[in-house]
C-alpha atoms as a PDB file:
ATOM      1  CA  UNK A   1      54.257 -38.702  29.591  1.00  0.00           C
ATOM      2  CA  UNK A   2      51.759 -36.991  31.674  1.00  0.00           C
ATOM      3  CA  UNK A   3      54.094 -34.265  32.077  1.00  0.00           C
ATOM      4  CA  UNK A   4      53.714 -32.762  28.782  1.00  0.00           C
ATOM      5  CA  UNK A   5      50.871 -31.100  29.899  1.00  0.00           C
ATOM      6  CA  UNK A   6      51.832 -29.516  32.816  1.00  0.00           C
ATOM      7  CA  UNK A   7      55.121 -28.464  31.000  1.00  0.00           C
ATOM      8  CA  UNK A   8      52.601 -27.328  27.841  1.00  0.00           C
ATOM      9  CA  UNK A   9      50.985 -24.856  30.071  1.00  0.00           C
ATOM     10  CA  UNK A  10      53.412 -23.965  32.266  1.00  0.00           C
ATOM     11  CA  UNK A  11      55.463 -22.623  28.298  1.00  0.00           C
ATOM     12  CA  UNK A  12      52.104 -21.138  28.098  1.00  0.00           C
ATOM     13  CA  UNK A  13      51.789 -19.069  30.990  1.00  0.00           C
ATOM     14  CA  UNK A  14      55.960 -18.067  29.992  1.00  0.00           C
ATOM     15  CA  UNK A  15      54.584 -16.551  26.853  1.00  0.00           C
ATOM     16  CA  UNK A  16      51.711 -14.762  28.834  1.00  0.00           C
ATOM     17  CA  UNK A  17      53.661 -13.536  30.850  1.00  0.00           C
ATOM     18  CA  UNK A  18      56.103 -12.203  28.814  1.00  0.00           C
ATOM     19  CA  UNK A  19      53.613 -10.396  26.343  1.00  0.00           C
ATOM     20  CA  UNK A  20      52.428  -8.780  29.614  1.00  0.00           C
ATOM     21  CA  UNK A  21      56.229  -7.908  30.689  1.00  0.00           C
ATOM     22  CA  UNK A  22      56.573  -5.668  27.367  1.00  0.00           C
ATOM     23  CA  UNK A  23      57.592  -1.978  28.672  1.00  0.00           C
ATOM     24  CA  UNK A  24      54.713   0.676  28.265  1.00  0.00           C
ATOM     25  CA  UNK A  25      57.063   2.800  26.798  1.00  0.00           C
ATOM     26  CA  UNK A  26      57.219   0.390  23.918  1.00  0.00           C
ATOM     27  CA  UNK A  27      54.027   0.017  23.539  1.00  0.00           C
ATOM     28  CA  UNK A  28      53.920   3.879  24.029  1.00  0.00           C
ATOM     29  CA  UNK A  29      56.266   4.338  21.407  1.00  0.00           C
ATOM     30  CA  UNK A  30      54.489   1.865  18.846  1.00  0.00           C
ATOM     31  CA  UNK A  31      51.295   3.796  18.914  1.00  0.00           C
ATOM     32  CA  UNK A  32      52.894   7.156  18.228  1.00  0.00           C
ATOM     33  CA  UNK A  33      54.737   6.024  15.577  1.00  0.00           C
ATOM     34  CA  UNK A  34      51.463   4.483  14.177  1.00  0.00           C
ATOM     35  CA  UNK A  35      49.776   7.709  14.204  1.00  0.00           C
ATOM     36  CA  UNK A  36      52.718  10.282  12.977  1.00  0.00           C
ATOM     37  CA  UNK A  37      55.803   8.569  10.997  1.00  0.00           C
ATOM     38  CA  UNK A  38      54.862   8.969   7.372  1.00  0.00           C
ATOM     39  CA  UNK A  39      52.341  11.862   7.998  1.00  0.00           C
ATOM     40  CA  UNK A  40      52.996  15.595   6.362  1.00  0.00           C
ATOM     41  CA  UNK A  41      52.838  18.733   8.804  1.00  0.00           C
ATOM     42  CA  UNK A  42      53.917  21.697   8.021  1.00  0.00           C
ATOM     43  CA  UNK A  43      56.483  23.812  10.749  1.00  0.00           C
ATOM     44  CA  UNK A  44      55.476  26.841  11.922  1.00  0.00           C
ATOM     45  CA  UNK A  45      59.429  27.932  12.684  1.00  0.00           C
ATOM     46  CA  UNK A  46      62.488  27.612  10.859  1.00  0.00           C
ATOM     47  CA  UNK A  47      64.151  24.565  11.514  1.00  0.00           C
ATOM     48  CA  UNK A  48      68.146  24.412  11.803  1.00  0.00           C
ATOM     49  CA  UNK A  49      69.765  21.673   9.705  1.00  0.00           C
ATOM     50  CA  UNK A  50      71.022  19.774  12.640  1.00  0.00           C
ATOM     51  CA  UNK A  51      69.990  16.432  14.471  1.00  0.00           C
ATOM     52  CA  UNK A  52      70.395  18.794  17.668  1.00  0.00           C
ATOM     53  CA  UNK A  53      67.018  20.360  15.962  1.00  0.00           C
ATOM     54  CA  UNK A  54      65.088  22.309  18.528  1.00  0.00           C
ATOM     55  CA  UNK A  55      64.246  21.109  22.072  1.00  0.00           C
ATOM     56  CA  UNK A  56      60.828  22.155  23.789  1.00  0.00           C
ATOM     57  CA  UNK A  57      60.832  21.612  27.197  1.00  0.00           C
ATOM     58  CA  UNK A  58      57.291  20.562  28.233  1.00  0.00           C
ATOM     59  CA  UNK A  59      57.366  20.766  32.118  1.00  0.00           C
ATOM     60  CA  UNK A  60      58.837  24.523  31.900  1.00  0.00           C
ATOM     61  CA  UNK A  61      57.348  28.015  31.304  1.00  0.00           C
ATOM     62  CA  UNK A  62      59.133  28.703  28.589  1.00  0.00           C
ATOM     63  CA  UNK A  63      59.358  25.661  25.958  1.00  0.00           C
ATOM     64  CA  UNK A  64      61.371  26.944  23.656  1.00  0.00           C
ATOM     65  CA  UNK A  65      65.085  28.252  24.513  1.00  0.00           C
ATOM     66  CA  UNK A  66      65.280  31.280  21.966  1.00  0.00           C
ATOM     67  CA  UNK A  67      69.032  32.196  22.008  1.00  0.00           C
ATOM     68  CA  UNK A  68      69.814  28.465  21.354  1.00  0.00           C
ATOM     69  CA  UNK A  69      67.824  28.099  19.176  1.00  0.00           C
ATOM     70  CA  UNK A  70      68.783  31.498  17.081  1.00  0.00           C
ATOM     71  CA  UNK A  71      72.542  30.165  18.111  1.00  0.00           C
ATOM     72  CA  UNK A  72      71.354  26.436  15.724  1.00  0.00           C
ATOM     73  CA  UNK A  73      70.137  28.579  13.170  1.00  0.00           C
ATOM     74  CA  UNK A  74      73.468  30.795  12.945  1.00  0.00           C
ATOM     75  CA  UNK A  75      76.137  27.804  12.873  1.00  0.00           C
ATOM     76  CA  UNK A  76      73.488  25.474  10.972  1.00  0.00           C
ATOM     77  CA  UNK A  77      71.245  27.148   8.367  1.00  0.00           C
ATOM     78  CA  UNK A  78      67.944  26.564   7.867  1.00  0.00           C
ATOM     79  CA  UNK A  79      66.725  23.177   6.462  1.00  0.00           C
ATOM     80  CA  UNK A  80      63.201  23.385   6.612  1.00  0.00           C
ATOM     81  CA  UNK A  81      61.884  26.804   6.573  1.00  0.00           C
ATOM     82  CA  UNK A  82      58.835  28.069   8.500  1.00  0.00           C
ATOM     83  CA  UNK A  83      55.328  27.347   6.633  1.00  0.00           C
ATOM     84  CA  UNK A  84      57.178  24.543   4.359  1.00  0.00           C
ATOM     85  CA  UNK A  85      55.458  20.750   4.402  1.00  0.00           C
ATOM     86  CA  UNK A  86      57.617  18.081   6.095  1.00  0.00           C
ATOM     87  CA  UNK A  87      57.560  14.595   6.371  1.00  0.00           C
ATOM     88  CA  UNK A  88      57.557  13.076   9.776  1.00  0.00           C
ATOM     89  CA  UNK A  89      59.989  10.379   9.331  1.00  0.00           C
ATOM     90  CA  UNK A  90      60.680   8.685  12.558  1.00  0.00           C
ATOM     91  CA  UNK A  91      59.000   9.272  16.419  1.00  0.00           C
ATOM     92  CA  UNK A  92      61.485   7.369  19.308  1.00  0.00           C
ATOM     93  CA  UNK A  93      60.597   7.269  22.739  1.00  0.00           C
ATOM     94  CA  UNK A  94      63.732   7.867  25.179  1.00  0.00           C
ATOM     95  CA  UNK A  95      63.581   8.031  29.211  1.00  0.00           C
ATOM     96  CA  UNK A  96      63.252  11.966  29.208  1.00  0.00           C
ATOM     97  CA  UNK A  97      62.407  12.840  25.681  1.00  0.00           C
ATOM     98  CA  UNK A  98      60.816  11.914  22.471  1.00  0.00           C
ATOM     99  CA  UNK A  99      62.547  12.890  19.320  1.00  0.00           C
ATOM    100  CA  UNK A 100      60.218  14.178  16.924  1.00  0.00           C
ATOM    101  CA  UNK A 101      62.375  13.596  13.306  1.00  0.00           C
ATOM    102  CA  UNK A 102      61.484  15.592  10.104  1.00  0.00           C
ATOM    103  CA  UNK A 103      62.634  15.184   6.896  1.00  0.00           C
ATOM    104  CA  UNK A 104      65.469  12.123   7.783  1.00  0.00           C
ATOM    105  CA  UNK A 105      66.168  13.951  11.257  1.00  0.00           C
ATOM    106  CA  UNK A 106      68.676  16.445  10.731  1.00  0.00           C
ATOM    107  CA  UNK A 107      72.491  16.112   9.722  1.00  0.00           C
ATOM    108  CA  UNK A 108      74.819  14.779  12.329  1.00  0.00           C
ATOM    109  CA  UNK A 109      72.793  11.639  13.214  1.00  0.00           C
ATOM    110  CA  UNK A 110      75.421   8.389  14.185  1.00  0.00           C
ATOM    111  CA  UNK A 111      76.116   7.813  10.469  1.00  0.00           C
ATOM    112  CA  UNK A 112      77.235  10.587   9.184  1.00  0.00           C
ATOM    113  CA  UNK A 113      80.198  12.220   8.637  1.00  0.00           C
ATOM    114  CA  UNK A 114      80.661  15.725  10.399  1.00  0.00           C
ATOM    115  CA  UNK A 115      84.091  15.999  10.009  1.00  0.00           C
ATOM    116  CA  UNK A 116      85.351  19.005   8.405  1.00  0.00           C
ATOM    117  CA  UNK A 117      89.487  17.989   8.701  1.00  0.00           C
ATOM    118  CA  UNK A 118      91.386  17.128   5.591  1.00  0.00           C
ATOM    119  CA  UNK A 119      94.434  14.531   5.968  1.00  0.00           C
ATOM    120  CA  UNK A 120      97.387  16.367   3.631  1.00  0.00           C
ATOM    121  CA  UNK A 121     100.565  15.354   5.393  1.00  0.00           C
ATOM    122  CA  UNK A 122     103.416  17.447   5.280  1.00  0.00           C
ATOM    123  CA  UNK A 123     106.787  16.786   3.574  1.00  0.00           C
ATOM    124  CA  UNK A 124     109.145  15.405   6.107  1.00  0.00           C
ATOM    125  CA  UNK A 125     113.050  15.821   6.623  1.00  0.00           C
ATOM    126  CA  UNK A 126     114.671  14.336   4.213  1.00  0.00           C
ATOM    127  CA  UNK A 127     117.544  10.807   4.778  1.00  0.00           C
ATOM    128  CA  UNK A 128     120.201  13.780   2.116  1.00  0.00           C
ATOM    129  CA  UNK A 129     119.281  16.659   4.826  1.00  0.00           C
ATOM    130  CA  UNK A 130     119.785  14.636   7.822  1.00  0.00           C
ATOM    131  CA  UNK A 131     122.890  12.733   6.259  1.00  0.00           C
ATOM    132  CA  UNK A 132     123.911  16.736   5.496  1.00  0.00           C
ATOM    133  CA  UNK A 133     123.563  17.769   8.856  1.00  0.00           C
ATOM    134  CA  UNK A 134     125.529  14.961  10.238  1.00  0.00           C
ATOM    135  CA  UNK A 135     128.325  15.785   7.597  1.00  0.00           C
ATOM    136  CA  UNK A 136     128.404  19.981   8.584  1.00  0.00           C
ATOM    137  CA  UNK A 137     129.036  18.943  12.263  1.00  0.00           C
ATOM    138  CA  UNK A 138     131.827  16.951  11.558  1.00  0.00           C
ATOM    139  CA  UNK A 139     133.498  18.743   8.611  1.00  0.00           C
ATOM    140  CA  UNK A 140     136.666  20.693   9.481  1.00  0.00           C
ATOM    141  CA  UNK A 141     137.364  22.101   6.096  1.00  0.00           C
ATOM    142  CA  UNK A 142     135.096  25.671   6.014  1.00  0.00           C
ATOM    143  CA  UNK A 143     135.168  26.182   2.368  1.00  0.00           C
ATOM    144  CA  UNK A 144     133.873  21.878   1.848  1.00  0.00           C
ATOM    145  CA  UNK A 145     131.430  22.717   5.209  1.00  0.00           C
ATOM    146  CA  UNK A 146     130.046  26.346   3.594  1.00  0.00           C
ATOM    147  CA  UNK A 147     129.388  23.566   0.265  1.00  0.00           C
ATOM    148  CA  UNK A 148     127.592  21.118   2.296  1.00  0.00           C
ATOM    149  CA  UNK A 149     125.963  24.158   3.876  1.00  0.00           C
ATOM    150  CA  UNK A 150     124.616  25.419   0.797  1.00  0.00           C
ATOM    151  CA  UNK A 151     123.168  21.576  -0.528  1.00  0.00           C
ATOM    152  CA  UNK A 152     121.156  21.885   2.851  1.00  0.00           C
ATOM    153  CA  UNK A 153     119.657  25.464   2.594  1.00  0.00           C
ATOM    154  CA  UNK A 154     118.108  24.567  -0.917  1.00  0.00           C
ATOM    155  CA  UNK A 155     116.865  21.471   0.386  1.00  0.00           C
ATOM    156  CA  UNK A 156     115.277  22.987   3.331  1.00  0.00           C
ATOM    157  CA  UNK A 157     114.039  25.772   1.057  1.00  0.00           C
ATOM    158  CA  UNK A 158     112.192  23.360  -0.940  1.00  0.00           C
ATOM    159  CA  UNK A 159     110.618  21.289   1.674  1.00  0.00           C
ATOM    160  CA  UNK A 160     109.754  24.581   3.270  1.00  0.00           C
ATOM    161  CA  UNK A 161     108.011  25.798  -0.016  1.00  0.00           C
ATOM    162  CA  UNK A 162     106.147  22.776  -0.484  1.00  0.00           C
ATOM    163  CA  UNK A 163     104.784  22.565   2.781  1.00  0.00           C
ATOM    164  CA  UNK A 164     103.375  26.087   2.697  1.00  0.00           C
ATOM    165  CA  UNK A 165     101.631  24.599  -0.848  1.00  0.00           C
ATOM    166  CA  UNK A 166      99.843  21.693   1.336  1.00  0.00           C
ATOM    167  CA  UNK A 167      99.193  23.936   3.832  1.00  0.00           C
ATOM    168  CA  UNK A 168      97.300  26.201   1.714  1.00  0.00           C
ATOM    169  CA  UNK A 169      96.007  23.434  -0.486  1.00  0.00           C
ATOM    170  CA  UNK A 170      94.905  21.959   2.940  1.00  0.00           C
ATOM    171  CA  UNK A 171      92.760  25.528   4.026  1.00  0.00           C
ATOM    172  CA  UNK A 172      91.382  25.457   0.329  1.00  0.00           C
ATOM    173  CA  UNK A 173      89.902  21.713   1.033  1.00  0.00           C
ATOM    174  CA  UNK A 174      88.631  22.342   4.729  1.00  0.00           C
ATOM    175  CA  UNK A 175      86.698  25.221   3.526  1.00  0.00           C
ATOM    176  CA  UNK A 176      85.324  23.307   0.373  1.00  0.00           C
ATOM    177  CA  UNK A 177      84.603  20.251   2.940  1.00  0.00           C
ATOM    178  CA  UNK A 178      82.790  22.718   5.136  1.00  0.00           C
ATOM    179  CA  UNK A 179      81.037  24.193   2.472  1.00  0.00           C
ATOM    180  CA  UNK A 180      80.016  20.527   1.735  1.00  0.00           C
ATOM    181  CA  UNK A 181      78.958  19.894   4.598  1.00  0.00           C
ATOM    182  CA  UNK A 182      77.218  23.106   4.931  1.00  0.00           C
ATOM    183  CA  UNK A 183      74.867  22.199   1.784  1.00  0.00           C
ATOM    184  CA  UNK A 184      74.189  18.292   3.001  1.00  0.00           C
ATOM    185  CA  UNK A 185      73.233  20.225   6.673  1.00  0.00           C
ATOM    186  CA  UNK A 186      70.063  21.760   4.278  1.00  0.00           C
ATOM    187  CA  UNK A 187      68.951  18.332   2.782  1.00  0.00           C
ATOM    188  CA  UNK A 188      68.872  16.753   6.105  1.00  0.00           C
ATOM    189  CA  UNK A 189      65.736  17.714   7.391  1.00  0.00           C
ATOM    190  CA  UNK A 190      65.646  18.671  11.278  1.00  0.00           C
ATOM    191  CA  UNK A 191      64.160  17.292  14.539  1.00  0.00           C
ATOM    192  CA  UNK A 192      62.185  18.185  17.502  1.00  0.00           C
ATOM    193  CA  UNK A 193      62.970  17.004  20.653  1.00  0.00           C
ATOM    194  CA  UNK A 194      60.161  16.517  23.513  1.00  0.00           C
ATOM    195  CA  UNK A 195      61.966  17.103  26.904  1.00  0.00           C
ATOM    196  CA  UNK A 196      60.833  16.269  30.427  1.00  0.00           C
ATOM    197  CA  UNK A 197      62.082  17.104  33.793  1.00  0.00           C
ATOM    198  CA  UNK A 198      62.183  13.584  34.767  1.00  0.00           C
ATOM    199  CA  UNK A 199      61.165  11.322  32.431  1.00  0.00           C
ATOM    200  CA  UNK A 200      58.508  10.153  29.599  1.00  0.00           C
ATOM    201  CA  UNK A 201      54.993   9.907  30.936  1.00  0.00           C
ATOM    202  CA  UNK A 202      53.344   6.555  30.038  1.00  0.00           C
ATOM    203  CA  UNK A 203      50.235   7.728  28.748  1.00  0.00           C
ATOM    204  CA  UNK A 204      51.741  10.130  26.742  1.00  0.00           C
ATOM    205  CA  UNK A 205      49.760   9.641  23.815  1.00  0.00           C
ATOM    206  CA  UNK A 206      49.317  11.804  20.063  1.00  0.00           C
ATOM    207  CA  UNK A 207      47.237  13.649  21.509  1.00  0.00           C
ATOM    208  CA  UNK A 208      49.833  14.839  23.863  1.00  0.00           C
ATOM    209  CA  UNK A 209      52.725  14.856  21.710  1.00  0.00           C
ATOM    210  CA  UNK A 210      50.319  17.575  18.987  1.00  0.00           C
ATOM    211  CA  UNK A 211      49.876  19.371  22.361  1.00  0.00           C
ATOM    212  CA  UNK A 212      53.700  20.246  22.776  1.00  0.00           C
ATOM    213  CA  UNK A 213      54.207  20.810  19.054  1.00  0.00           C
ATOM    214  CA  UNK A 214      51.009  22.893  18.282  1.00  0.00           C
ATOM    215  CA  UNK A 215      52.728  25.804  18.784  1.00  0.00           C
ATOM    216  CA  UNK A 216      55.036  25.108  16.053  1.00  0.00           C
ATOM    217  CA  UNK A 217      53.616  22.393  13.820  1.00  0.00           C
ATOM    218  CA  UNK A 218      50.837  22.935  11.902  1.00  0.00           C
ATOM    219  CA  UNK A 219      49.284  18.646  11.875  1.00  0.00           C
ATOM    220  CA  UNK A 220      45.706  19.774  10.124  1.00  0.00           C
ATOM    221  CA  UNK A 221      46.548  20.771   6.694  1.00  0.00           C
ATOM    222  CA  UNK A 222      49.932  20.945   4.775  1.00  0.00           C
ATOM    223  CA  UNK A 223      48.213  23.370   2.631  1.00  0.00           C
ATOM    224  CA  UNK A 224      47.450  26.232   5.462  1.00  0.00           C
ATOM    225  CA  UNK A 225      49.553  29.235   5.664  1.00  0.00           C
ATOM    226  CA  UNK A 226      51.411  28.912   8.719  1.00  0.00           C
ATOM    227  CA  UNK A 227      52.888  31.557  11.259  1.00  0.00           C
ATOM    228  CA  UNK A 228      57.320  31.655  11.260  1.00  0.00           C
ATOM    229  CA  UNK A 229      59.813  33.042  13.449  1.00  0.00           C
ATOM    230  CA  UNK A 230      61.868  35.533  12.086  1.00  0.00           C
ATOM    231  CA  UNK A 231      65.158  37.047  12.956  1.00  0.00           C
ATOM    232  CA  UNK A 232      67.844  38.886  11.484  1.00  0.00           C
ATOM    233  CA  UNK A 233      70.061  37.193   8.515  1.00  0.00           C
ATOM    234  CA  UNK A 234      72.517  34.697  10.304  1.00  0.00           C
ATOM    235  CA  UNK A 235      76.313  34.058   8.468  1.00  0.00           C
ATOM    236  CA  UNK A 236      77.700  30.551   8.876  1.00  0.00           C
ATOM    237  CA  UNK A 237      80.583  29.342   8.277  1.00  0.00           C
ATOM    238  CA  UNK A 238      81.402  27.345   5.248  1.00  0.00           C
ATOM    239  CA  UNK A 239      78.422  29.136   3.306  1.00  0.00           C
ATOM    240  CA  UNK A 240      78.895  30.047  -0.161  1.00  0.00           C
ATOM    241  CA  UNK A 241      79.338  33.912  -1.399  1.00  0.00           C
ATOM    242  CA  UNK A 242      76.368  32.880  -3.560  1.00  0.00           C
ATOM    243  CA  UNK A 243      73.911  31.812  -0.550  1.00  0.00           C
ATOM    244  CA  UNK A 244      75.803  35.049   1.650  1.00  0.00           C
ATOM    245  CA  UNK A 245      74.569  37.629  -0.671  1.00  0.00           C
ATOM    246  CA  UNK A 246      71.102  36.055  -1.104  1.00  0.00           C
ATOM    247  CA  UNK A 247      70.538  35.638   2.603  1.00  0.00           C
ATOM    248  CA  UNK A 248      72.718  38.621   4.843  1.00  0.00           C
ATOM    249  CA  UNK A 249      71.423  41.617   3.591  1.00  0.00           C
ATOM    250  CA  UNK A 250      72.198  44.475   0.872  1.00  0.00           C
ATOM    251  CA  UNK A 251      76.194  44.137  -0.025  1.00  0.00           C
ATOM    252  CA  UNK A 252      76.981  47.358   0.209  1.00  0.00           C
ATOM    253  CA  UNK A 253      81.340  46.920  -0.110  1.00  0.00           C
ATOM    254  CA  UNK A 254      83.827  44.312  -1.292  1.00  0.00           C
ATOM    255  CA  UNK A 255      87.576  44.581  -1.115  1.00  0.00           C
ATOM    256  CA  UNK A 256      90.456  42.111  -1.484  1.00  0.00           C
ATOM    257  CA  UNK A 257      93.643  41.313   0.145  1.00  0.00           C
ATOM    258  CA  UNK A 258      96.229  38.297  -0.142  1.00  0.00           C
ATOM    259  CA  UNK A 259      96.729  36.150   2.973  1.00  0.00           C
ATOM    260  CA  UNK A 260      99.941  34.135   2.074  1.00  0.00           C
ATOM    261  CA  UNK A 261      99.196  32.288  -1.099  1.00  0.00           C
ATOM    262  CA  UNK A 262      95.535  32.916  -0.540  1.00  0.00           C
ATOM    263  CA  UNK A 263      92.960  35.554  -2.238  1.00  0.00           C
ATOM    264  CA  UNK A 264      90.783  36.523   0.427  1.00  0.00           C
ATOM    265  CA  UNK A 265      87.705  38.947  -0.857  1.00  0.00           C
ATOM    266  CA  UNK A 266      85.796  40.360   1.844  1.00  0.00           C
ATOM    267  CA  UNK A 267      82.498  41.496   1.439  1.00  0.00           C
ATOM    268  CA  UNK A 268      79.901  44.112   4.354  1.00  0.00           C
ATOM    269  CA  UNK A 269      76.407  43.638   4.123  1.00  0.00           C
ATOM    270  CA  UNK A 270      73.771  45.592   5.907  1.00  0.00           C
ATOM    271  CA  UNK A 271      70.194  44.838   7.106  1.00  0.00           C
ATOM    272  CA  UNK A 272      67.666  46.739   9.564  1.00  0.00           C
ATOM    273  CA  UNK A 273      69.873  46.422  12.350  1.00  0.00           C
ATOM    274  CA  UNK A 274      72.901  44.994  12.341  1.00  0.00           C
ATOM    275  CA  UNK A 275      75.945  44.974   9.883  1.00  0.00           C
ATOM    276  CA  UNK A 276      77.882  41.772   8.626  1.00  0.00           C
ATOM    277  CA  UNK A 277      81.298  41.457   7.933  1.00  0.00           C
ATOM    278  CA  UNK A 278      82.104  38.524   6.155  1.00  0.00           C
ATOM    279  CA  UNK A 279      85.840  36.825   4.854  1.00  0.00           C
ATOM    280  CA  UNK A 280      85.741  34.640   1.494  1.00  0.00           C
ATOM    281  CA  UNK A 281      88.312  32.135   0.190  1.00  0.00           C
ATOM    282  CA  UNK A 282      87.078  30.807  -3.465  1.00  0.00           C
ATOM    283  CA  UNK A 283      83.691  32.020  -2.396  1.00  0.00           C
ATOM    284  CA  UNK A 284      83.347  29.955   0.797  1.00  0.00           C
ATOM    285  CA  UNK A 285      82.271  32.154   4.180  1.00  0.00           C
ATOM    286  CA  UNK A 286      85.545  31.482   6.553  1.00  0.00           C
ATOM    287  CA  UNK A 287      85.498  34.223   9.070  1.00  0.00           C
ATOM    288  CA  UNK A 288      82.374  37.167   9.783  1.00  0.00           C
ATOM    289  CA  UNK A 289      81.500  39.398  12.283  1.00  0.00           C
ATOM    290  CA  UNK A 290      78.404  40.937  13.249  1.00  0.00           C
ATOM    291  CA  UNK A 291      77.996  44.796  14.820  1.00  0.00           C
ATOM    292  CA  UNK A 292      74.699  46.880  15.169  1.00  0.00           C
ATOM    293  CA  UNK A 293      73.864  49.633  13.247  1.00  0.00           C
END
């Protein structure tokens, strides 16, 4: 009976030690979450529609790699435009970076299906085709062999014709899926990844995050005008024709051609410094080329 107070004191001591042992990084993350999550900010730059977001390197002389930034805008489109308000939906501290997520954090997170492939199996060789091939090999009568060969040719042509139809339908379905994913990217938010060469400093608090992102985010007033980075128009596979005509510059020429069972429409756009040739199938961009003017 006399041992209970001792054991109780020991348990209390273990609990106190356990509380004291909570990692500083977890405490820092909690502080950042309390301060930023749910807050409205205004981005000063176009934000790419991907969970890759924009990398901000705190320890480097050039914090943003603008070539990488342009490539992500070109590939994924713009989810949040410069000057637009956005809600901070998540702040997460990892070993060497802080994720500062806006409007959902960007399409392509763990739960998002980013596949553009469509499973449409081709028609395989039928039992009758296999049977005919065997019979032809074994048939000695020339007339009967020609009859069997004729039947086999018809079956093969029918199967190949159906497979061409399936292939064309798969191309169209995959382009539609790409267009749907592109649309989802434009509404999935984006993020800043505040990156460090080694690890996130233990005392990196809200004021430090604000300073790291000050060039790219307006934390003060969601209604204030914001500076934005401007680049030449950027085509992306999966964008619709309507988006292209709205975003890629002045339309100067159109033409049509047939590729197998598909009708391909070619549009040419010009902007101040470049010309864009864009190819569409069912009003979905499948290929493009950019050249200087």
